[in-house]
Amino acid sequence: MRLVIAGGHGKIALVLTRLAADRGDTVIGVVRNPDHVDDIRAHGGDGVVLDLETATVEQVAAVLAGADAVVFAAGAGPGSGIPRKDSVDRGAAALTAEAAQIAQVRRYVQISAMGLDRGSADDVFSAYLAAKDAAERDLRARDLDWTIVRPGRLSDDAPTGRVSLGAATAPGVVSRADVAAVLVAVLDEPRSAGLTLELVGGDVPVVESVAAVVS
């Protein structure tokens, strides 16, 4: 499989790169900072430098051309303000999805977040939730074989290989490494297309969890 990861230098993206590359997939990480390409290569992939906040849809489509699947893992990240929550978490997500359609890459997995309907007194966090929600709604309206994965609170703990995955789960914590493993399993399961899945740590092995939600 040829996999393109938008936001290829994120912690989940780098683990995903390693997991996919170790099994023989070709992984291309899209990053805006050229200094991050070496990190992607160290994890078994390669990098393309392209700023998704300023790129045209044609430029993104050119990067996606020939891919079997796209994972949108980009995010404005901690410390960013309201404008970048919109330009990255919503704008770059919509741009990448549109580019996937142009490049005729049907398989598309988007990392979102749990609890998008919860309120917040923090204006920046509210903007983040609104941007993620808008990105989800944009993707659902597109003619793509999309899957949306909504992790709970993320940790850098070692992977357990066991999760709780479904249309709705109780709030909880999940390691970034386990999120990456779920992304691999979702990519391998075509029947997960059209599903929005919440994800936290749990007791069920990753592959079994994905099989259960599509059965």
N, C-alpha and C. Protein backbone atom coordinates (compact mmCIF):
# COMPACT_ATOMS: atom_id res chain seq x y z
N MET A 1 0.84 -1.19 0.00
CA MET A 1 0.00 0.00 0.00
C MET A 1 0.88 1.25 0.00
N ARG A 2 0.47 2.21 -0.81
CA ARG A 2 1.13 3.52 -0.79
C ARG A 2 0.24 4.45 0.03
N LEU A 3 0.77 4.91 1.15
CA LEU A 3 0.01 5.69 2.11
C LEU A 3 0.60 7.09 2.22
N VAL A 4 -0.26 8.10 2.13
CA VAL A 4 0.16 9.48 2.35
C VAL A 4 -0.46 9.96 3.65
N ILE A 5 0.37 10.53 4.53
CA ILE A 5 -0.09 11.04 5.81
C ILE A 5 0.08 12.55 5.83
N ALA A 6 -1.04 13.27 5.89
CA ALA A 6 -0.99 14.72 6.04
C ALA A 6 -0.75 15.04 7.51
N GLY A 7 0.29 15.83 7.78
CA GLY A 7 0.71 16.02 9.17
C GLY A 7 1.63 14.90 9.58
N GLY A 8 2.59 14.61 8.72
CA GLY A 8 3.41 13.41 8.87
C GLY A 8 4.40 13.42 10.01
N HIS A 9 4.58 14.56 10.68
CA HIS A 9 5.54 14.61 11.78
C HIS A 9 4.88 14.54 13.15
N GLY A 10 3.57 14.42 13.20
CA GLY A 10 2.91 14.27 14.49
C GLY A 10 3.27 12.96 15.15
N LYS A 11 3.02 12.89 16.46
CA LYS A 11 3.42 11.70 17.20
C LYS A 11 2.68 10.45 16.72
N ILE A 12 1.37 10.57 16.48
CA ILE A 12 0.62 9.43 15.96
C ILE A 12 1.11 9.09 14.56
N ALA A 13 1.34 10.11 13.74
CA ALA A 13 1.76 9.89 12.37
C ALA A 13 3.09 9.16 12.29
N LEU A 14 4.03 9.50 13.15
CA LEU A 14 5.33 8.84 13.11
C LEU A 14 5.23 7.38 13.51
N VAL A 15 4.41 7.07 14.52
CA VAL A 15 4.21 5.66 14.88
C VAL A 15 3.52 4.92 13.74
N LEU A 16 2.52 5.55 13.14
CA LEU A 16 1.84 4.94 12.00
C LEU A 16 2.82 4.69 10.86
N THR A 17 3.70 5.64 10.62
CA THR A 17 4.71 5.46 9.58
C THR A 17 5.56 4.23 9.85
N ARG A 18 6.01 4.08 11.07
CA ARG A 18 6.83 2.93 11.43
C ARG A 18 6.06 1.62 11.27
N LEU A 19 4.84 1.58 11.75
CA LEU A 19 4.04 0.35 11.65
C LEU A 19 3.80 -0.03 10.19
N ALA A 20 3.45 0.94 9.38
CA ALA A 20 3.16 0.66 7.98
C ALA A 20 4.43 0.30 7.21
N ALA A 21 5.51 1.04 7.45
CA ALA A 21 6.76 0.75 6.75
C ALA A 21 7.32 -0.61 7.13
N ASP A 22 7.18 -0.99 8.39
CA ASP A 22 7.73 -2.27 8.84
C ASP A 22 7.07 -3.46 8.16
N ARG A 23 5.85 -3.27 7.68
CA ARG A 23 5.18 -4.38 7.00
C ARG A 23 5.27 -4.26 5.47
N GLY A 24 6.05 -3.26 5.01
CA GLY A 24 6.32 -3.15 3.58
C GLY A 24 5.56 -2.09 2.83
N ASP A 25 4.74 -1.30 3.54
CA ASP A 25 4.03 -0.21 2.87
C ASP A 25 4.98 0.94 2.55
N THR A 26 4.65 1.70 1.51
CA THR A 26 5.35 2.93 1.19
C THR A 26 4.60 4.09 1.85
N VAL A 27 5.30 4.85 2.67
CA VAL A 27 4.65 5.91 3.43
C VAL A 27 5.28 7.26 3.09
N ILE A 28 4.44 8.22 2.75
CA ILE A 28 4.88 9.58 2.47
C ILE A 28 4.22 10.50 3.49
N GLY A 29 5.03 11.21 4.24
CA GLY A 29 4.51 12.17 5.21
C GLY A 29 4.59 13.58 4.67
N VAL A 30 3.49 14.30 4.73
CA VAL A 30 3.45 15.69 4.26
C VAL A 30 3.71 16.59 5.46
N VAL A 31 4.74 17.42 5.35
CA VAL A 31 5.13 18.32 6.45
C VAL A 31 5.40 19.70 5.89
N ARG A 32 5.30 20.70 6.73
CA ARG A 32 5.62 22.06 6.26
C ARG A 32 7.05 22.46 6.61
N ASN A 33 7.67 21.76 7.55
CA ASN A 33 9.02 22.09 7.99
C ASN A 33 10.01 21.09 7.38
N PRO A 34 10.91 21.53 6.52
CA PRO A 34 11.85 20.59 5.91
C PRO A 34 12.75 19.87 6.90
N ASP A 35 12.93 20.46 8.09
CA ASP A 35 13.75 19.80 9.10
C ASP A 35 13.11 18.52 9.62
N HIS A 36 11.82 18.33 9.36
CA HIS A 36 11.12 17.15 9.87
C HIS A 36 11.23 15.94 8.95
N VAL A 37 11.73 16.14 7.75
CA VAL A 37 11.80 15.03 6.79
C VAL A 37 12.71 13.92 7.31
N ASP A 38 13.82 14.28 7.93
CA ASP A 38 14.75 13.26 8.42
C ASP A 38 14.09 12.40 9.49
N ASP A 39 13.23 12.97 10.33
CA ASP A 39 12.54 12.18 11.34
C ASP A 39 11.61 11.16 10.69
N ILE A 40 10.93 11.57 9.63
CA ILE A 40 10.06 10.64 8.92
C ILE A 40 10.88 9.51 8.31
N ARG A 41 12.00 9.85 7.73
CA ARG A 41 12.87 8.82 7.13
C ARG A 41 13.38 7.87 8.20
N ALA A 42 13.68 8.40 9.39
CA ALA A 42 14.16 7.54 10.47
C ALA A 42 13.10 6.54 10.91
N HIS A 43 11.82 6.83 10.62
CA HIS A 43 10.73 5.92 10.97
C HIS A 43 10.32 5.04 9.79
N GLY A 44 11.07 5.12 8.69
CA GLY A 44 10.84 4.22 7.57
C GLY A 44 10.07 4.80 6.41
N GLY A 45 9.68 6.07 6.49
CA GLY A 45 8.93 6.69 5.39
C GLY A 45 9.78 7.71 4.66
N ASP A 46 9.11 8.54 3.90
CA ASP A 46 9.78 9.66 3.25
C ASP A 46 8.88 10.88 3.39
N GLY A 47 9.45 12.05 3.15
CA GLY A 47 8.70 13.27 3.39
C GLY A 47 8.54 14.14 2.15
N VAL A 48 7.44 14.85 2.10
CA VAL A 48 7.20 15.88 1.10
C VAL A 48 6.92 17.17 1.85
N VAL A 49 7.61 18.24 1.47
CA VAL A 49 7.44 19.52 2.15
C VAL A 49 6.36 20.32 1.43
N LEU A 50 5.26 20.57 2.12
CA LEU A 50 4.14 21.32 1.57
C LEU A 50 3.33 21.88 2.72
N ASP A 51 3.09 23.16 2.72
CA ASP A 51 2.32 23.82 3.77
C ASP A 51 0.84 23.75 3.41
N LEU A 52 0.08 22.96 4.14
CA LEU A 52 -1.33 22.76 3.84
C LEU A 52 -2.18 23.99 4.13
N GLU A 53 -1.62 24.98 4.81
CA GLU A 53 -2.36 26.23 5.04
C GLU A 53 -2.28 27.17 3.85
N THR A 54 -1.27 26.99 2.99
CA THR A 54 -1.09 27.91 1.86
C THR A 54 -1.11 27.20 0.51
N ALA A 55 -1.05 25.88 0.50
CA ALA A 55 -0.99 25.13 -0.75
C ALA A 55 -2.31 25.21 -1.50
N THR A 56 -2.24 25.05 -2.81
CA THR A 56 -3.45 24.93 -3.63
C THR A 56 -3.91 23.49 -3.62
N VAL A 57 -5.17 23.29 -3.97
CA VAL A 57 -5.69 21.93 -4.01
C VAL A 57 -4.98 21.12 -5.08
N GLU A 58 -4.54 21.77 -6.15
CA GLU A 58 -3.82 21.06 -7.20
C GLU A 58 -2.45 20.59 -6.70
N GLN A 59 -1.79 21.40 -5.88
CA GLN A 59 -0.50 20.98 -5.32
C GLN A 59 -0.67 19.77 -4.40
N VAL A 60 -1.70 19.78 -3.58
CA VAL A 60 -1.93 18.65 -2.69
C VAL A 60 -2.31 17.41 -3.50
N ALA A 61 -3.15 17.58 -4.50
CA ALA A 61 -3.55 16.44 -5.33
C ALA A 61 -2.35 15.81 -6.01
N ALA A 62 -1.38 16.61 -6.40
CA ALA A 62 -0.18 16.07 -7.04
C ALA A 62 0.60 15.17 -6.08
N VAL A 63 0.61 15.54 -4.81
CA VAL A 63 1.29 14.70 -3.81
C VAL A 63 0.52 13.41 -3.58
N LEU A 64 -0.80 13.48 -3.63
CA LEU A 64 -1.63 12.31 -3.36
C LEU A 64 -1.73 11.36 -4.55
N ALA A 65 -1.39 11.82 -5.73
CA ALA A 65 -1.55 11.01 -6.94
C ALA A 65 -0.82 9.67 -6.80
N GLY A 66 -1.54 8.60 -7.10
CA GLY A 66 -0.95 7.26 -7.04
C GLY A 66 -1.02 6.60 -5.68
N ALA A 67 -1.56 7.31 -4.68
CA ALA A 67 -1.68 6.71 -3.35
C ALA A 67 -2.86 5.75 -3.31
N ASP A 68 -2.79 4.79 -2.40
CA ASP A 68 -3.90 3.89 -2.14
C ASP A 68 -4.79 4.41 -1.02
N ALA A 69 -4.22 5.25 -0.15
CA ALA A 69 -4.98 5.76 0.99
C ALA A 69 -4.32 7.02 1.51
N VAL A 70 -5.15 7.84 2.17
CA VAL A 70 -4.68 9.07 2.81
C VAL A 70 -5.13 9.03 4.27
N VAL A 71 -4.26 9.44 5.16
CA VAL A 71 -4.62 9.67 6.55
C VAL A 71 -4.40 11.14 6.86
N PHE A 72 -5.44 11.81 7.32
CA PHE A 72 -5.29 13.20 7.74
C PHE A 72 -5.01 13.22 9.23
N ALA A 73 -3.76 13.55 9.58
CA ALA A 73 -3.33 13.56 10.97
C ALA A 73 -2.80 14.92 11.39
N ALA A 74 -3.05 15.93 10.57
CA ALA A 74 -2.53 17.26 10.86
C ALA A 74 -3.39 17.96 11.91
N GLY A 75 -2.77 18.91 12.61
CA GLY A 75 -3.49 19.71 13.59
C GLY A 75 -2.66 20.92 13.95
N ALA A 76 -3.33 21.98 14.34
CA ALA A 76 -2.60 23.20 14.70
C ALA A 76 -1.74 22.99 15.93
N GLY A 77 -2.18 22.13 16.84
CA GLY A 77 -1.36 21.78 17.99
C GLY A 77 -1.49 22.75 19.15
N PRO A 78 -0.94 22.35 20.31
CA PRO A 78 -1.00 23.19 21.50
C PRO A 78 -0.32 24.53 21.28
N GLY A 79 -0.88 25.55 21.86
CA GLY A 79 -0.26 26.87 21.77
C GLY A 79 -0.71 27.68 20.56
N SER A 80 -1.43 27.05 19.65
CA SER A 80 -1.91 27.80 18.49
C SER A 80 -3.21 28.52 18.84
N GLY A 81 -3.46 29.60 18.13
CA GLY A 81 -4.64 30.40 18.41
C GLY A 81 -5.84 30.02 17.56
N ILE A 82 -6.90 30.80 17.72
CA ILE A 82 -8.15 30.51 17.02
C ILE A 82 -7.99 30.48 15.50
N PRO A 83 -7.28 31.43 14.88
CA PRO A 83 -7.17 31.39 13.42
C PRO A 83 -6.57 30.09 12.89
N ARG A 84 -5.55 29.55 13.58
CA ARG A 84 -4.92 28.33 13.08
C ARG A 84 -5.76 27.09 13.38
N LYS A 85 -6.59 27.14 14.40
CA LYS A 85 -7.53 26.02 14.60
C LYS A 85 -8.41 25.88 13.37
N ASP A 86 -8.83 27.02 12.83
CA ASP A 86 -9.67 26.97 11.64
C ASP A 86 -8.86 26.63 10.39
N SER A 87 -7.71 27.24 10.22
CA SER A 87 -6.97 27.05 8.97
C SER A 87 -6.34 25.67 8.85
N VAL A 88 -6.05 25.03 9.97
CA VAL A 88 -5.46 23.68 9.92
C VAL A 88 -6.50 22.61 10.19
N ASP A 89 -7.11 22.64 11.37
CA ASP A 89 -8.00 21.55 11.77
C ASP A 89 -9.25 21.46 10.90
N ARG A 90 -9.68 22.59 10.33
CA ARG A 90 -10.79 22.56 9.38
C ARG A 90 -10.31 22.74 7.95
N GLY A 91 -9.62 23.86 7.70
CA GLY A 91 -9.26 24.22 6.34
C GLY A 91 -8.36 23.22 5.65
N ALA A 92 -7.29 22.82 6.33
CA ALA A 92 -6.38 21.85 5.72
C ALA A 92 -7.02 20.49 5.56
N ALA A 93 -7.93 20.14 6.48
CA ALA A 93 -8.64 18.87 6.36
C ALA A 93 -9.52 18.87 5.12
N ALA A 94 -10.28 19.94 4.92
CA ALA A 94 -11.14 20.03 3.75
C ALA A 94 -10.34 20.07 2.46
N LEU A 95 -9.24 20.80 2.48
CA LEU A 95 -8.37 20.88 1.31
C LEU A 95 -7.83 19.50 0.93
N THR A 96 -7.38 18.75 1.93
CA THR A 96 -6.81 17.43 1.65
C THR A 96 -7.87 16.47 1.15
N ALA A 97 -9.06 16.55 1.70
CA ALA A 97 -10.15 15.68 1.23
C ALA A 97 -10.53 16.02 -0.21
N GLU A 98 -10.59 17.30 -0.53
CA GLU A 98 -10.89 17.69 -1.90
C GLU A 98 -9.79 17.22 -2.85
N ALA A 99 -8.54 17.34 -2.41
CA ALA A 99 -7.42 16.87 -3.23
C ALA A 99 -7.48 15.37 -3.46
N ALA A 100 -7.92 14.63 -2.45
CA ALA A 100 -8.06 13.18 -2.61
C ALA A 100 -9.08 12.86 -3.69
N GLN A 101 -10.16 13.61 -3.73
CA GLN A 101 -11.15 13.40 -4.79
C GLN A 101 -10.56 13.69 -6.16
N ILE A 102 -9.83 14.78 -6.27
CA ILE A 102 -9.21 15.13 -7.55
C ILE A 102 -8.21 14.07 -7.99
N ALA A 103 -7.42 13.57 -7.03
CA ALA A 103 -6.42 12.56 -7.33
C ALA A 103 -7.00 11.16 -7.43
N GLN A 104 -8.30 11.04 -7.19
CA GLN A 104 -9.01 9.76 -7.25
C GLN A 104 -8.43 8.73 -6.26
N VAL A 105 -8.15 9.22 -5.07
CA VAL A 105 -7.75 8.36 -3.96
C VAL A 105 -8.96 8.22 -3.05
N ARG A 106 -9.64 7.10 -3.14
CA ARG A 106 -10.93 6.98 -2.46
C ARG A 106 -10.79 6.73 -0.95
N ARG A 107 -9.76 6.00 -0.53
CA ARG A 107 -9.66 5.62 0.88
C ARG A 107 -9.08 6.75 1.69
N TYR A 108 -9.82 7.20 2.70
CA TYR A 108 -9.44 8.40 3.44
C TYR A 108 -9.82 8.22 4.90
N VAL A 109 -8.83 8.34 5.76
CA VAL A 109 -9.05 8.20 7.20
C VAL A 109 -8.67 9.52 7.87
N GLN A 110 -9.57 10.02 8.68
CA GLN A 110 -9.35 11.32 9.34
C GLN A 110 -9.33 11.14 10.86
N ILE A 111 -8.29 11.67 11.49
CA ILE A 111 -8.21 11.67 12.95
C ILE A 111 -8.96 12.89 13.46
N SER A 112 -9.92 12.67 14.31
CA SER A 112 -10.70 13.76 14.87
C SER A 112 -10.53 13.75 16.39
N ALA A 113 -11.59 13.93 17.13
CA ALA A 113 -11.51 13.93 18.59
C ALA A 113 -12.87 13.60 19.17
N MET A 114 -12.90 13.03 20.35
CA MET A 114 -14.15 12.76 21.04
C MET A 114 -14.73 14.04 21.62
N GLY A 115 -16.04 14.01 21.86
CA GLY A 115 -16.69 15.09 22.59
C GLY A 115 -16.78 16.40 21.86
N LEU A 116 -16.99 16.36 20.56
CA LEU A 116 -17.06 17.61 19.80
C LEU A 116 -18.28 18.45 20.16
N ASP A 117 -19.27 17.84 20.77
CA ASP A 117 -20.48 18.58 21.13
C ASP A 117 -20.43 19.16 22.54
N ARG A 118 -19.31 18.95 23.24
CA ARG A 118 -19.24 19.49 24.59
C ARG A 118 -18.85 20.96 24.52
N GLY A 119 -19.35 21.72 25.45
CA GLY A 119 -19.02 23.13 25.49
C GLY A 119 -17.71 23.38 26.22
N SER A 120 -17.21 24.60 26.07
CA SER A 120 -15.99 24.98 26.77
C SER A 120 -15.99 26.48 26.99
N ALA A 121 -15.53 26.87 28.18
CA ALA A 121 -15.40 28.30 28.48
C ALA A 121 -14.15 28.89 27.84
N ASP A 122 -13.28 28.03 27.34
CA ASP A 122 -12.04 28.46 26.70
C ASP A 122 -12.32 28.72 25.23
N ASP A 123 -12.13 29.94 24.78
CA ASP A 123 -12.46 30.30 23.40
C ASP A 123 -11.62 29.51 22.39
N VAL A 124 -10.34 29.30 22.70
CA VAL A 124 -9.47 28.58 21.76
C VAL A 124 -9.90 27.13 21.66
N PHE A 125 -10.21 26.52 22.81
CA PHE A 125 -10.64 25.12 22.77
C PHE A 125 -11.99 24.99 22.07
N SER A 126 -12.86 25.93 22.28
CA SER A 126 -14.15 25.93 21.58
C SER A 126 -13.93 26.02 20.07
N ALA A 127 -12.97 26.83 19.66
CA ALA A 127 -12.66 26.96 18.23
C ALA A 127 -12.10 25.65 17.69
N TYR A 128 -11.30 24.96 18.50
CA TYR A 128 -10.76 23.66 18.10
C TYR A 128 -11.90 22.66 17.88
N LEU A 129 -12.82 22.59 18.83
CA LEU A 129 -13.94 21.66 18.71
C LEU A 129 -14.79 21.99 17.48
N ALA A 130 -15.03 23.27 17.26
CA ALA A 130 -15.82 23.67 16.10
C ALA A 130 -15.12 23.33 14.79
N ALA A 131 -13.80 23.49 14.77
CA ALA A 131 -13.04 23.18 13.55
C ALA A 131 -13.07 21.68 13.25
N LYS A 132 -12.91 20.86 14.29
CA LYS A 132 -12.96 19.41 14.10
C LYS A 132 -14.35 18.98 13.64
N ASP A 133 -15.37 19.57 14.22
CA ASP A 133 -16.73 19.24 13.83
C ASP A 133 -16.98 19.61 12.37
N ALA A 134 -16.52 20.78 11.96
CA ALA A 134 -16.70 21.22 10.58
C ALA A 134 -15.95 20.31 9.62
N ALA A 135 -14.74 19.88 10.02
CA ALA A 135 -13.97 18.97 9.17
C ALA A 135 -14.68 17.64 9.00
N GLU A 136 -15.28 17.14 10.08
CA GLU A 136 -16.04 15.89 9.98
C GLU A 136 -17.22 16.05 9.03
N ARG A 137 -17.98 17.13 9.18
CA ARG A 137 -19.16 17.33 8.35
C ARG A 137 -18.76 17.48 6.88
N ASP A 138 -17.67 18.17 6.62
CA ASP A 138 -17.17 18.31 5.26
C ASP A 138 -16.84 16.95 4.66
N LEU A 139 -16.14 16.12 5.43
CA LEU A 139 -15.72 14.82 4.92
C LEU A 139 -16.91 13.91 4.65
N ARG A 140 -17.88 13.91 5.54
CA ARG A 140 -19.04 13.04 5.36
C ARG A 140 -19.82 13.37 4.09
N ALA A 141 -19.73 14.60 3.65
CA ALA A 141 -20.46 15.03 2.45
C ALA A 141 -19.74 14.66 1.16
N ARG A 142 -18.54 14.14 1.26
CA ARG A 142 -17.74 13.86 0.06
C ARG A 142 -17.89 12.41 -0.39
N ASP A 143 -17.70 12.22 -1.68
CA ASP A 143 -17.76 10.87 -2.26
C ASP A 143 -16.40 10.21 -2.13
N LEU A 144 -16.10 9.81 -0.90
CA LEU A 144 -14.87 9.11 -0.57
C LEU A 144 -15.21 7.93 0.33
N ASP A 145 -14.32 6.96 0.37
CA ASP A 145 -14.47 5.84 1.31
C ASP A 145 -13.80 6.25 2.62
N TRP A 146 -14.50 7.11 3.36
CA TRP A 146 -13.90 7.73 4.53
C TRP A 146 -14.21 6.97 5.81
N THR A 147 -13.29 7.08 6.75
CA THR A 147 -13.51 6.65 8.13
C THR A 147 -12.99 7.74 9.04
N ILE A 148 -13.76 8.08 10.05
CA ILE A 148 -13.34 9.08 11.03
C ILE A 148 -13.05 8.37 12.34
N VAL A 149 -11.86 8.58 12.87
CA VAL A 149 -11.46 7.99 14.15
C VAL A 149 -11.35 9.11 15.17
N ARG A 150 -12.10 8.98 16.27
CA ARG A 150 -12.13 10.00 17.32
C ARG A 150 -11.47 9.46 18.59
N PRO A 151 -10.17 9.71 18.78
CA PRO A 151 -9.53 9.24 20.01
C PRO A 151 -9.98 10.06 21.22
N GLY A 152 -9.88 9.44 22.38
CA GLY A 152 -10.07 10.16 23.63
C GLY A 152 -8.80 10.93 23.97
N ARG A 153 -8.61 11.20 25.26
CA ARG A 153 -7.43 11.95 25.68
C ARG A 153 -6.17 11.14 25.39
N LEU A 154 -5.22 11.77 24.72
CA LEU A 154 -4.04 11.06 24.22
C LEU A 154 -2.92 11.03 25.27
N SER A 155 -2.21 9.91 25.28
CA SER A 155 -1.04 9.77 26.15
C SER A 155 0.13 9.25 25.32
N ASP A 156 1.32 9.38 25.89
CA ASP A 156 2.52 8.84 25.26
C ASP A 156 2.92 7.51 25.88
N ASP A 157 1.98 6.84 26.54
CA ASP A 157 2.27 5.54 27.15
C ASP A 157 2.61 4.51 26.08
N ALA A 158 3.24 3.44 26.52
CA ALA A 158 3.55 2.34 25.61
C ALA A 158 2.25 1.70 25.12
N PRO A 159 2.26 1.15 23.91
CA PRO A 159 1.03 0.53 23.40
C PRO A 159 0.64 -0.70 24.22
N THR A 160 -0.66 -0.88 24.37
CA THR A 160 -1.16 -2.08 25.03
C THR A 160 -1.68 -3.08 24.01
N GLY A 161 -2.03 -2.59 22.81
CA GLY A 161 -2.62 -3.45 21.80
C GLY A 161 -4.07 -3.77 22.06
N ARG A 162 -4.65 -3.14 23.08
CA ARG A 162 -6.04 -3.40 23.44
C ARG A 162 -6.79 -2.08 23.61
N VAL A 163 -7.98 -2.01 23.04
CA VAL A 163 -8.70 -0.75 23.01
C VAL A 163 -10.20 -0.99 23.19
N SER A 164 -10.92 0.09 23.33
CA SER A 164 -12.38 0.10 23.25
C SER A 164 -12.73 0.98 22.07
N LEU A 165 -13.43 0.42 21.09
CA LEU A 165 -13.70 1.10 19.83
C LEU A 165 -15.16 0.91 19.46
N GLY A 166 -15.83 1.98 19.08
CA GLY A 166 -17.22 1.84 18.68
C GLY A 166 -17.83 3.17 18.29
N ALA A 167 -19.09 3.13 17.91
CA ALA A 167 -19.79 4.36 17.54
C ALA A 167 -19.84 5.34 18.71
N ALA A 168 -19.85 4.81 19.93
CA ALA A 168 -19.82 5.65 21.13
C ALA A 168 -19.12 4.88 22.23
N THR A 169 -18.21 5.53 22.93
CA THR A 169 -17.54 4.94 24.07
C THR A 169 -17.55 5.93 25.21
N ALA A 170 -17.32 5.43 26.41
CA ALA A 170 -17.16 6.33 27.56
C ALA A 170 -15.86 7.11 27.40
N PRO A 171 -15.80 8.32 27.94
CA PRO A 171 -14.55 9.09 27.88
C PRO A 171 -13.41 8.30 28.51
N GLY A 172 -12.22 8.52 27.98
CA GLY A 172 -11.07 7.81 28.52
C GLY A 172 -9.80 8.24 27.84
N VAL A 173 -8.73 7.53 28.17
CA VAL A 173 -7.39 7.82 27.66
C VAL A 173 -6.99 6.71 26.70
N VAL A 174 -6.22 7.07 25.70
CA VAL A 174 -5.67 6.07 24.78
C VAL A 174 -4.27 6.53 24.38
N SER A 175 -3.36 5.58 24.27
CA SER A 175 -2.00 5.94 23.88
C SER A 175 -1.96 6.25 22.39
N ARG A 176 -1.08 7.15 22.03
CA ARG A 176 -0.92 7.49 20.61
C ARG A 176 -0.50 6.26 19.81
N ALA A 177 0.30 5.41 20.42
CA ALA A 177 0.73 4.20 19.72
C ALA A 177 -0.45 3.27 19.43
N ASP A 178 -1.38 3.17 20.36
CA ASP A 178 -2.56 2.35 20.11
C ASP A 178 -3.47 2.99 19.06
N VAL A 179 -3.54 4.31 19.02
CA VAL A 179 -4.29 4.97 17.97
C VAL A 179 -3.70 4.61 16.61
N ALA A 180 -2.37 4.66 16.51
CA ALA A 180 -1.72 4.32 15.24
C ALA A 180 -2.03 2.89 14.82
N ALA A 181 -2.04 1.97 15.78
CA ALA A 181 -2.35 0.58 15.46
C ALA A 181 -3.79 0.43 14.97
N VAL A 182 -4.70 1.18 15.56
CA VAL A 182 -6.09 1.16 15.09
C VAL A 182 -6.19 1.72 13.67
N LEU A 183 -5.44 2.76 13.37
CA LEU A 183 -5.46 3.31 12.02
C LEU A 183 -5.02 2.28 10.99
N VAL A 184 -3.99 1.53 11.32
CA VAL A 184 -3.54 0.46 10.40
C VAL A 184 -4.65 -0.55 10.19
N ALA A 185 -5.28 -0.98 11.28
CA ALA A 185 -6.35 -1.98 11.19
C ALA A 185 -7.54 -1.45 10.42
N VAL A 186 -7.87 -0.18 10.60
CA VAL A 186 -8.98 0.44 9.87
C VAL A 186 -8.66 0.50 8.38
N LEU A 187 -7.44 0.88 8.05
CA LEU A 187 -7.04 0.94 6.65
C LEU A 187 -7.14 -0.43 5.98
N ASP A 188 -6.90 -1.47 6.75
CA ASP A 188 -6.96 -2.83 6.23
C ASP A 188 -8.37 -3.38 6.12
N GLU A 189 -9.35 -2.66 6.65
CA GLU A 189 -10.73 -3.16 6.69
C GLU A 189 -11.63 -2.25 5.85
N PRO A 190 -11.88 -2.59 4.59
CA PRO A 190 -12.70 -1.73 3.73
C PRO A 190 -14.10 -1.49 4.29
N ARG A 191 -14.61 -2.43 5.07
CA ARG A 191 -15.97 -2.28 5.60
C ARG A 191 -16.07 -1.20 6.67
N SER A 192 -14.94 -0.64 7.08
CA SER A 192 -14.99 0.47 8.04
C SER A 192 -15.32 1.79 7.36
N ALA A 193 -15.36 1.81 6.04
CA ALA A 193 -15.72 3.03 5.33
C ALA A 193 -17.13 3.47 5.71
N GLY A 194 -17.28 4.77 5.94
CA GLY A 194 -18.56 5.33 6.31
C GLY A 194 -18.83 5.33 7.80
N LEU A 195 -17.86 4.91 8.61
CA LEU A 195 -18.05 4.84 10.05
C LEU A 195 -17.31 5.96 10.76
N THR A 196 -17.91 6.46 11.82
CA THR A 196 -17.26 7.37 12.75
C THR A 196 -17.07 6.61 14.05
N LEU A 197 -15.82 6.44 14.48
CA LEU A 197 -15.50 5.53 15.57
C LEU A 197 -14.80 6.26 16.71
N GLU A 198 -15.33 6.10 17.92
CA GLU A 198 -14.68 6.65 19.11
C GLU A 198 -13.71 5.59 19.66
N LEU A 199 -12.60 6.07 20.23
CA LEU A 199 -11.51 5.17 20.60
C LEU A 199 -10.89 5.58 21.93
N VAL A 200 -10.85 4.65 22.86
CA VAL A 200 -10.12 4.82 24.12
C VAL A 200 -9.43 3.50 24.45
N GLY A 201 -8.62 3.52 25.48
CA GLY A 201 -8.00 2.28 25.91
C GLY A 201 -9.05 1.29 26.40
N GLY A 202 -8.75 0.01 26.25
CA GLY A 202 -9.73 -1.00 26.64
C GLY A 202 -9.12 -2.37 26.78
N ASP A 203 -9.96 -3.39 26.57
CA ASP A 203 -9.54 -4.77 26.82
C ASP A 203 -9.53 -5.64 25.57
N VAL A 204 -9.98 -5.12 24.45
CA VAL A 204 -10.13 -5.94 23.25
C VAL A 204 -8.96 -5.69 22.30
N PRO A 205 -8.31 -6.74 21.80
CA PRO A 205 -7.22 -6.55 20.84
C PRO A 205 -7.65 -5.69 19.66
N VAL A 206 -6.72 -4.92 19.13
CA VAL A 206 -7.03 -3.92 18.11
C VAL A 206 -7.74 -4.53 16.91
N VAL A 207 -7.20 -5.57 16.33
CA VAL A 207 -7.81 -6.15 15.13
C VAL A 207 -9.20 -6.69 15.43
N GLU A 208 -9.37 -7.29 16.59
CA GLU A 208 -10.69 -7.79 16.97
C GLU A 208 -11.68 -6.63 17.16
N SER A 209 -11.20 -5.51 17.70
CA SER A 209 -12.07 -4.35 17.90
C SER A 209 -12.58 -3.83 16.56
N VAL A 210 -11.70 -3.74 15.57
CA VAL A 210 -12.12 -3.25 14.26
C VAL A 210 -13.07 -4.25 13.60
N ALA A 211 -12.76 -5.53 13.72
CA ALA A 211 -13.65 -6.55 13.16
C ALA A 211 -15.04 -6.48 13.78
N ALA A 212 -15.10 -6.18 15.06
CA ALA A 212 -16.39 -6.14 15.75
C ALA A 212 -17.26 -4.98 15.27
N VAL A 213 -16.66 -3.84 14.96
CA VAL A 213 -17.47 -2.69 14.57
C VAL A 213 -17.99 -2.79 13.15
N VAL A 214 -17.43 -3.70 12.35
CA VAL A 214 -17.91 -3.84 10.96
C VAL A 214 -18.74 -5.10 10.77
N SER A 215 -18.89 -5.91 11.83
CA SER A 215 -19.62 -7.16 11.69
C SER A 215 -21.14 -6.95 11.80
